[in-house]
Every structure is written in structure tokens, then in C-alpha cells.
């Protein structure tokens, strides 16, 4: 984010009463934490995507060959 954009956001926040500024700050903190979590998830998925594809293909093959067993829903 550019310094200009940050300055604009700060100026906008300064026009709000203190309680509203606190609400905005809490919202932004939560939003950024969620975004960071999504970015980590995306990165982890990219790292394991080929392995997941291979495992899915193997599972489909085993199902087609009648080698797969149905999961026990009571277990989960």
C-alpha cells in the first residue's frame, strides 16, 4: 500500500469518534488476520496440489477396481 493510501485512511479515521475508530481498528485487525490465514492456506494448497491430485486419481482408480472401502460415518 502506498504511503498516500495509508495517509488517506488515517485522515478518514481521524474524522470518526474514538469508539468508531476502535471498531474500525478491530475490524481491520480481524480482516487482515483472516486474509493472512487465506494466503497461508493458498500457499499450502499450492505446495501439496500435485500430491492431492495423485491421491485423488488413485482413489478413483481403486473405486473403479472395486478395491475401495466405504468410510464408516460413525467414525467421523
PDB file of N, CA and C in Angstrom:
ATOM      1  N   UNK A   1       0.855  -1.165   0.000  1.00  0.00           N
ATOM      2  CA  UNK A   1       0.000   0.000   0.000  1.00  0.00           C
ATOM      3  C   UNK A   1       0.898   1.223   0.000  1.00  0.00           C
ATOM      4  N   UNK A   2       0.525   2.175  -0.781  1.00  0.00           N
ATOM      5  CA  UNK A   2       1.342   3.381  -0.867  1.00  0.00           C
ATOM      6  C   UNK A   2       1.153   4.243   0.378  1.00  0.00           C
ATOM      7  N   UNK A   3       2.138   5.079   0.636  1.00  0.00           N
ATOM      8  CA  UNK A   3       2.062   5.994   1.772  1.00  0.00           C
ATOM      9  C   UNK A   3       0.862   6.923   1.626  1.00  0.00           C
ATOM     10  N   UNK A   4       0.543   7.271   0.390  1.00  0.00           N
ATOM     11  CA  UNK A   4      -0.602   8.152   0.143  1.00  0.00           C
ATOM     12  C   UNK A   4      -1.911   7.476   0.560  1.00  0.00           C
ATOM     13  N   UNK A   5      -2.046   6.211   0.236  1.00  0.00           N
ATOM     14  CA  UNK A   5      -3.261   5.478   0.604  1.00  0.00           C
ATOM     15  C   UNK A   5      -3.375   5.356   2.120  1.00  0.00           C
ATOM     16  N   UNK A   6      -2.261   5.090   2.777  1.00  0.00           N
ATOM     17  CA  UNK A   6      -2.269   4.983   4.238  1.00  0.00           C
ATOM     18  C   UNK A   6      -2.653   6.317   4.858  1.00  0.00           C
ATOM     19  N   UNK A   7      -2.092   7.396   4.336  1.00  0.00           N
ATOM     20  CA  UNK A   7      -2.420   8.732   4.825  1.00  0.00           C
ATOM     21  C   UNK A   7      -3.905   9.016   4.664  1.00  0.00           C
ATOM     22  N   UNK A   8      -4.468   8.626   3.537  1.00  0.00           N
ATOM     23  CA  UNK A   8      -5.894   8.837   3.289  1.00  0.00           C
ATOM     24  C   UNK A   8      -6.739   8.087   4.308  1.00  0.00           C
ATOM     25  N   UNK A   9      -6.380   6.834   4.571  1.00  0.00           N
ATOM     26  CA  UNK A   9      -7.128   6.033   5.543  1.00  0.00           C
ATOM     27  C   UNK A   9      -7.020   6.650   6.936  1.00  0.00           C
ATOM     28  N   UNK A  10      -5.833   7.085   7.315  1.00  0.00           N
ATOM     29  CA  UNK A  10      -5.640   7.703   8.627  1.00  0.00           C
ATOM     30  C   UNK A  10      -6.488   8.964   8.743  1.00  0.00           C
ATOM     31  N   UNK A  11      -6.490   9.795   7.714  1.00  0.00           N
ATOM     32  CA  UNK A  11      -7.303  11.016   7.732  1.00  0.00           C
ATOM     33  C   UNK A  11      -8.785  10.686   7.856  1.00  0.00           C
ATOM     34  N   UNK A  12      -9.225   9.659   7.152  1.00  0.00           N
ATOM     35  CA  UNK A  12     -10.630   9.255   7.244  1.00  0.00           C
ATOM     36  C   UNK A  12     -10.959   8.792   8.658  1.00  0.00           C
ATOM     37  N   UNK A  13     -10.057   8.028   9.253  1.00  0.00           N
ATOM     38  CA  UNK A  13     -10.300   7.525  10.606  1.00  0.00           C
ATOM     39  C   UNK A  13     -10.318   8.650  11.625  1.00  0.00           C
ATOM     40  N   UNK A  14      -9.492   9.666  11.406  1.00  0.00           N
ATOM     41  CA  UNK A  14      -9.434  10.783  12.350  1.00  0.00           C
ATOM     42  C   UNK A  14     -10.748  11.549  12.417  1.00  0.00           C
ATOM     43  N   UNK A  15     -11.580  11.420  11.397  1.00  0.00           N
ATOM     44  CA  UNK A  15     -12.872  12.117  11.405  1.00  0.00           C
ATOM     45  C   UNK A  15     -13.909  11.369  12.238  1.00  0.00           C
ATOM     46  N   UNK A  16     -13.598  10.148  12.619  1.00  0.00           N
ATOM     47  CA  UNK A  16     -14.540   9.330  13.380  1.00  0.00           C
ATOM     48  C   UNK A  16     -14.360   9.545  14.877  1.00  0.00           C
ATOM     49  N   UNK A  17     -15.432   9.359  15.635  1.00  0.00           N
ATOM     50  CA  UNK A  17     -15.279   9.404  17.096  1.00  0.00           C
ATOM     51  C   UNK A  17     -14.417   8.228  17.568  1.00  0.00           C
ATOM     52  N   UNK A  18     -13.863   8.365  18.769  1.00  0.00           N
ATOM     53  CA  UNK A  18     -12.943   7.352  19.295  1.00  0.00           C
ATOM     54  C   UNK A  18     -13.537   5.944  19.283  1.00  0.00           C
ATOM     55  N   UNK A  19     -14.796   5.814  19.706  1.00  0.00           N
ATOM     56  CA  UNK A  19     -15.387   4.470  19.751  1.00  0.00           C
ATOM     57  C   UNK A  19     -15.468   3.866  18.353  1.00  0.00           C
ATOM     58  N   UNK A  20     -15.748   4.697  17.341  1.00  0.00           N
ATOM     59  CA  UNK A  20     -15.831   4.197  15.966  1.00  0.00           C
ATOM     60  C   UNK A  20     -14.437   3.838  15.451  1.00  0.00           C
ATOM     61  N   UNK A  21     -13.438   4.628  15.823  1.00  0.00           N
ATOM     62  CA  UNK A  21     -12.065   4.306  15.429  1.00  0.00           C
ATOM     63  C   UNK A  21     -11.665   2.943  15.997  1.00  0.00           C
ATOM     64  N   UNK A  22     -12.040   2.696  17.241  1.00  0.00           N
ATOM     65  CA  UNK A  22     -11.727   1.403  17.865  1.00  0.00           C
ATOM     66  C   UNK A  22     -12.408   0.265  17.121  1.00  0.00           C
ATOM     67  N   UNK A  23     -13.646   0.488  16.700  1.00  0.00           N
ATOM     68  CA  UNK A  23     -14.368  -0.541  15.949  1.00  0.00           C
ATOM     69  C   UNK A  23     -13.695  -0.808  14.608  1.00  0.00           C
ATOM     70  N   UNK A  24     -13.279   0.269  13.935  1.00  0.00           N
ATOM     71  CA  UNK A  24     -12.609   0.112  12.638  1.00  0.00           C
ATOM     72  C   UNK A  24     -11.298  -0.643  12.817  1.00  0.00           C
ATOM     73  N   UNK A  25     -10.542  -0.277  13.829  1.00  0.00           N
ATOM     74  CA  UNK A  25      -9.258  -0.940  14.080  1.00  0.00           C
ATOM     75  C   UNK A  25      -9.468  -2.428  14.339  1.00  0.00           C
ATOM     76  N   UNK A  26     -10.460  -2.764  15.165  1.00  0.00           N
ATOM     77  CA  UNK A  26     -10.739  -4.171  15.458  1.00  0.00           C
ATOM     78  C   UNK A  26     -11.160  -4.912  14.191  1.00  0.00           C
ATOM     79  N   UNK A  27     -11.984  -4.271  13.383  1.00  0.00           N
ATOM     80  CA  UNK A  27     -12.429  -4.882  12.124  1.00  0.00           C
ATOM     81  C   UNK A  27     -11.241  -5.131  11.195  1.00  0.00           C
ATOM     82  N   UNK A  28     -10.369  -4.130  11.065  1.00  0.00           N
ATOM     83  CA  UNK A  28      -9.214  -4.252  10.169  1.00  0.00           C
ATOM     84  C   UNK A  28      -8.264  -5.341  10.671  1.00  0.00           C
ATOM     85  N   UNK A  29      -8.041  -5.401  11.975  1.00  0.00           N
ATOM     86  CA  UNK A  29      -7.187  -6.458  12.533  1.00  0.00           C
ATOM     87  C   UNK A  29      -7.731  -7.838  12.175  1.00  0.00           C
ATOM     88  N   UNK A  30      -9.029  -8.022  12.394  1.00  0.00           N
ATOM     89  CA  UNK A  30      -9.650  -9.315  12.084  1.00  0.00           C
ATOM     90  C   UNK A  30      -9.594  -9.611  10.593  1.00  0.00           C
ATOM     91  N   UNK A  31      -9.840  -8.599   9.781  1.00  0.00           N
ATOM     92  CA  UNK A  31      -9.815  -8.773   8.329  1.00  0.00           C
ATOM     93  C   UNK A  31      -8.420  -9.194   7.867  1.00  0.00           C
ATOM     94  N   UNK A  32      -7.396  -8.519   8.379  1.00  0.00           N
ATOM     95  CA  UNK A  32      -6.022  -8.842   7.994  1.00  0.00           C
ATOM     96  C   UNK A  32      -5.648 -10.245   8.472  1.00  0.00           C
ATOM     97  N   UNK A  33      -6.051 -10.607   9.682  1.00  0.00           N
ATOM     98  CA  UNK A  33      -5.765 -11.958  10.189  1.00  0.00           C
ATOM     99  C   UNK A  33      -6.424 -13.014   9.303  1.00  0.00           C
ATOM    100  N   UNK A  34      -7.672 -12.768   8.909  1.00  0.00           N
ATOM    101  CA  UNK A  34      -8.361 -13.704   8.011  1.00  0.00           C
ATOM    102  C   UNK A  34      -7.668 -13.785   6.662  1.00  0.00           C
ATOM    103  N   UNK A  35      -7.249 -12.645   6.151  1.00  0.00           N
ATOM    104  CA  UNK A  35      -6.565 -12.604   4.861  1.00  0.00           C
ATOM    105  C   UNK A  35      -5.240 -13.359   4.930  1.00  0.00           C
ATOM    106  N   UNK A  36      -4.487 -13.164   6.011  1.00  0.00           N
ATOM    107  CA  UNK A  36      -3.228 -13.885   6.174  1.00  0.00           C
ATOM    108  C   UNK A  36      -3.466 -15.388   6.242  1.00  0.00           C
ATOM    109  N   UNK A  37      -4.529 -15.786   6.930  1.00  0.00           N
ATOM    110  CA  UNK A  37      -4.877 -17.202   7.012  1.00  0.00           C
ATOM    111  C   UNK A  37      -5.206 -17.756   5.630  1.00  0.00           C
ATOM    112  N   UNK A  38      -5.964 -17.019   4.842  1.00  0.00           N
ATOM    113  CA  UNK A  38      -6.297 -17.442   3.476  1.00  0.00           C
ATOM    114  C   UNK A  38      -5.043 -17.558   2.610  1.00  0.00           C
ATOM    115  N   UNK A  39      -4.127 -16.602   2.754  1.00  0.00           N
ATOM    116  CA  UNK A  39      -2.887 -16.644   1.975  1.00  0.00           C
ATOM    117  C   UNK A  39      -2.048 -17.862   2.350  1.00  0.00           C
ATOM    118  N   UNK A  40      -1.983 -18.172   3.658  1.00  0.00           N
ATOM    119  CA  UNK A  40      -1.254 -19.368   4.096  1.00  0.00           C
ATOM    120  C   UNK A  40      -1.917 -20.627   3.541  1.00  0.00           C
ATOM    121  N   UNK A  41      -3.247 -20.667   3.572  1.00  0.00           N
ATOM    122  CA  UNK A  41      -3.980 -21.817   3.048  1.00  0.00           C
ATOM    123  C   UNK A  41      -3.686 -21.985   1.558  1.00  0.00           C
ATOM    124  N   UNK A  42      -3.748 -20.883   0.811  1.00  0.00           N
ATOM    125  CA  UNK A  42      -3.467 -20.941  -0.628  1.00  0.00           C
ATOM    126  C   UNK A  42      -2.059 -21.459  -0.892  1.00  0.00           C
ATOM    127  N   UNK A  43      -1.096 -20.981  -0.115  1.00  0.00           N
ATOM    128  CA  UNK A  43       0.292 -21.404  -0.298  1.00  0.00           C
ATOM    129  C   UNK A  43       0.450 -22.891   0.026  1.00  0.00           C
ATOM    130  N   UNK A  44      -0.164 -23.326   1.114  1.00  0.00           N
ATOM    131  CA  UNK A  44      -0.095 -24.749   1.473  1.00  0.00           C
ATOM    132  C   UNK A  44      -0.746 -25.611   0.405  1.00  0.00           C
ATOM    133  N   UNK A  45      -1.864 -25.163  -0.130  1.00  0.00           N
ATOM    134  CA  UNK A  45      -2.544 -25.928  -1.172  1.00  0.00           C
ATOM    135  C   UNK A  45      -1.680 -26.011  -2.423  1.00  0.00           C
ATOM    136  N   UNK A  46      -1.051 -24.902  -2.797  1.00  0.00           N
ATOM    137  CA  UNK A  46      -0.181 -24.913  -3.983  1.00  0.00           C
ATOM    138  C   UNK A  46       0.955 -25.915  -3.817  1.00  0.00           C
ATOM    139  N   UNK A  47       1.495 -25.988  -2.589  1.00  0.00           N
ATOM    140  CA  UNK A  47       2.609 -26.896  -2.325  1.00  0.00           C
ATOM    141  C   UNK A  47       2.184 -28.354  -2.404  1.00  0.00           C
ATOM    142  N   UNK A  48       0.945 -28.643  -2.058  1.00  0.00           N
ATOM    143  CA  UNK A  48       0.502 -30.037  -1.990  1.00  0.00           C
ATOM    144  C   UNK A  48      -0.455 -30.424  -3.116  1.00  0.00           C
ATOM    145  N   UNK A  49      -0.739 -29.493  -4.017  1.00  0.00           N
ATOM    146  CA  UNK A  49      -1.750 -29.740  -5.051  1.00  0.00           C
ATOM    147  C   UNK A  49      -1.454 -30.982  -5.886  1.00  0.00           C
ATOM    148  N   UNK A  50      -0.215 -31.138  -6.355  1.00  0.00           N
ATOM    149  CA  UNK A  50       0.095 -32.286  -7.209  1.00  0.00           C
ATOM    150  C   UNK A  50      -0.069 -33.599  -6.442  1.00  0.00           C
ATOM    151  N   UNK A  51       0.309 -33.602  -5.180  1.00  0.00           N
ATOM    152  CA  UNK A  51       0.144 -34.802  -4.358  1.00  0.00           C
ATOM    153  C   UNK A  51      -1.338 -35.122  -4.155  1.00  0.00           C
ATOM    154  N   UNK A  52      -2.137 -34.089  -3.931  1.00  0.00           N
ATOM    155  CA  UNK A  52      -3.576 -34.302  -3.766  1.00  0.00           C
ATOM    156  C   UNK A  52      -4.201 -34.852  -5.040  1.00  0.00           C
ATOM    157  N   UNK A  53      -3.760 -34.350  -6.180  1.00  0.00           N
ATOM    158  CA  UNK A  53      -4.272 -34.831  -7.468  1.00  0.00           C
ATOM    159  C   UNK A  53      -3.926 -36.305  -7.646  1.00  0.00           C
ATOM    160  N   UNK A  54      -2.682 -36.671  -7.330  1.00  0.00           N
ATOM    161  CA  UNK A  54      -2.264 -38.075  -7.449  1.00  0.00           C
ATOM    162  C   UNK A  54      -3.102 -38.976  -6.544  1.00  0.00           C
ATOM    163  N   UNK A  55      -3.325 -38.529  -5.321  1.00  0.00           N
ATOM    164  CA  UNK A  55      -4.115 -39.329  -4.383  1.00  0.00           C
ATOM    165  C   UNK A  55      -5.567 -39.446  -4.849  1.00  0.00           C
ATOM    166  N   UNK A  56      -6.105 -38.391  -5.414  1.00  0.00           N
ATOM    167  CA  UNK A  56      -7.476 -38.439  -5.936  1.00  0.00           C
ATOM    168  C   UNK A  56      -7.573 -39.412  -7.109  1.00  0.00           C
ATOM    169  N   UNK A  57      -6.582 -39.391  -7.978  1.00  0.00           N
ATOM    170  CA  UNK A  57      -6.572 -40.329  -9.114  1.00  0.00           C
ATOM    171  C   UNK A  57      -6.488 -41.778  -8.626  1.00  0.00           C
ATOM    172  N   UNK A  58      -5.643 -42.003  -7.636  1.00  0.00           N
ATOM    173  CA  UNK A  58      -5.514 -43.344  -7.075  1.00  0.00           C
ATOM    174  C   UNK A  58      -6.840 -43.792  -6.452  1.00  0.00           C
ATOM    175  N   UNK A  59      -7.480 -42.897  -5.727  1.00  0.00           N
ATOM    176  CA  UNK A  59      -8.766 -43.234  -5.108  1.00  0.00           C
ATOM    177  C   UNK A  59      -9.806 -43.571  -6.169  1.00  0.00           C
ATOM    178  N   UNK A  60      -9.867 -42.773  -7.235  1.00  0.00           N
ATOM    179  CA  UNK A  60     -10.818 -43.050  -8.318  1.00  0.00           C
ATOM    180  C   UNK A  60     -10.526 -44.403  -8.964  1.00  0.00           C
ATOM    181  N   UNK A  61      -9.245 -44.706  -9.135  1.00  0.00           N
ATOM    182  CA  UNK A  61      -8.847 -45.985  -9.731  1.00  0.00           C
ATOM    183  C   UNK A  61      -9.270 -47.140  -8.821  1.00  0.00           C
ATOM    184  N   UNK A  62      -9.012 -46.991  -7.531  1.00  0.00           N
ATOM    185  CA  UNK A  62      -9.378 -48.044  -6.588  1.00  0.00           C
ATOM    186  C   UNK A  62     -10.893 -48.238  -6.528  1.00  0.00           C
ATOM    187  N   UNK A  63     -11.641 -47.160  -6.632  1.00  0.00           N
ATOM    188  CA  UNK A  63     -13.105 -47.264  -6.666  1.00  0.00           C
ATOM    189  C   UNK A  63     -13.534 -48.031  -7.906  1.00  0.00           C
ATOM    190  N   UNK A  64     -12.949 -47.673  -9.051  1.00  0.00           N
ATOM    191  CA  UNK A  64     -13.296 -48.334 -10.314  1.00  0.00           C
ATOM    192  C   UNK A  64     -12.951 -49.819 -10.278  1.00  0.00           C
ATOM    193  N   UNK A  65     -11.884 -50.176  -9.571  1.00  0.00           N
ATOM    194  CA  UNK A  65     -11.451 -51.572  -9.481  1.00  0.00           C
ATOM    195  C   UNK A  65     -12.146 -52.329  -8.344  1.00  0.00           C
ATOM    196  N   UNK A  66     -13.003 -51.639  -7.620  1.00  0.00           N
ATOM    197  CA  UNK A  66     -13.712 -52.279  -6.507  1.00  0.00           C
ATOM    198  C   UNK A  66     -12.844 -52.514  -5.290  1.00  0.00           C
ATOM    199  N   UNK A  67     -11.722 -51.825  -5.198  1.00  0.00           N
ATOM    200  CA  UNK A  67     -10.792 -52.018  -4.078  1.00  0.00           C
ATOM    201  C   UNK A  67     -11.039 -51.041  -2.923  1.00  0.00           C
ATOM    202  N   UNK A  68     -11.878 -50.057  -3.149  1.00  0.00           N
ATOM    203  CA  UNK A  68     -12.109 -49.037  -2.124  1.00  0.00           C
ATOM    204  C   UNK A  68     -13.137 -49.530  -1.112  1.00  0.00           C
ATOM    205  N   UNK A  69     -12.996 -49.060   0.111  1.00  0.00           N
ATOM    206  CA  UNK A  69     -13.965 -49.383   1.153  1.00  0.00           C
ATOM    207  C   UNK A  69     -14.702 -48.113   1.540  1.00  0.00           C
ATOM    208  N   UNK A  70     -15.996 -48.263   1.786  1.00  0.00           N
ATOM    209  CA  UNK A  70     -16.795 -47.113   2.190  1.00  0.00           C
ATOM    210  C   UNK A  70     -16.377 -46.685   3.590  1.00  0.00           C
ATOM    211  N   UNK A  71     -16.331 -45.375   3.809  1.00  0.00           N
ATOM    212  CA  UNK A  71     -15.984 -44.856   5.125  1.00  0.00           C
ATOM    213  C   UNK A  71     -17.131 -45.101   6.091  1.00  0.00           C
ATOM    214  N   UNK A  72     -16.783 -45.325   7.321  1.00  0.00           N
ATOM    215  CA  UNK A  72     -17.785 -45.507   8.363  1.00  0.00           C
ATOM    216  C   UNK A  72     -18.179 -44.130   8.884  1.00  0.00           C
ATOM    217  N   UNK A  73     -19.406 -43.659   8.601  1.00  0.00           N
ATOM    218  CA  UNK A  73     -19.805 -42.317   9.032  1.00  0.00           C
ATOM    219  C   UNK A  73     -19.812 -42.159  10.546  1.00  0.00           C
ATOM    220  N   UNK A  74     -19.996 -43.240  11.281  1.00  0.00           N
ATOM    221  CA  UNK A  74     -19.995 -43.159  12.741  1.00  0.00           C
ATOM    222  C   UNK A  74     -18.608 -42.826  13.274  1.00  0.00           C
ATOM    223  N   UNK A  75     -17.592 -43.140  12.496  1.00  0.00           N
ATOM    224  CA  UNK A  75     -16.215 -42.875  12.903  1.00  0.00           C
ATOM    225  C   UNK A  75     -15.914 -41.383  12.885  1.00  0.00           C
ATOM    226  N   UNK A  76     -16.569 -40.668  12.004  1.00  0.00           N
ATOM    227  CA  UNK A  76     -16.309 -39.241  11.852  1.00  0.00           C
ATOM    228  C   UNK A  76     -17.386 -38.505  12.539  1.00  0.00           C
TER     229      UNK A  76
END
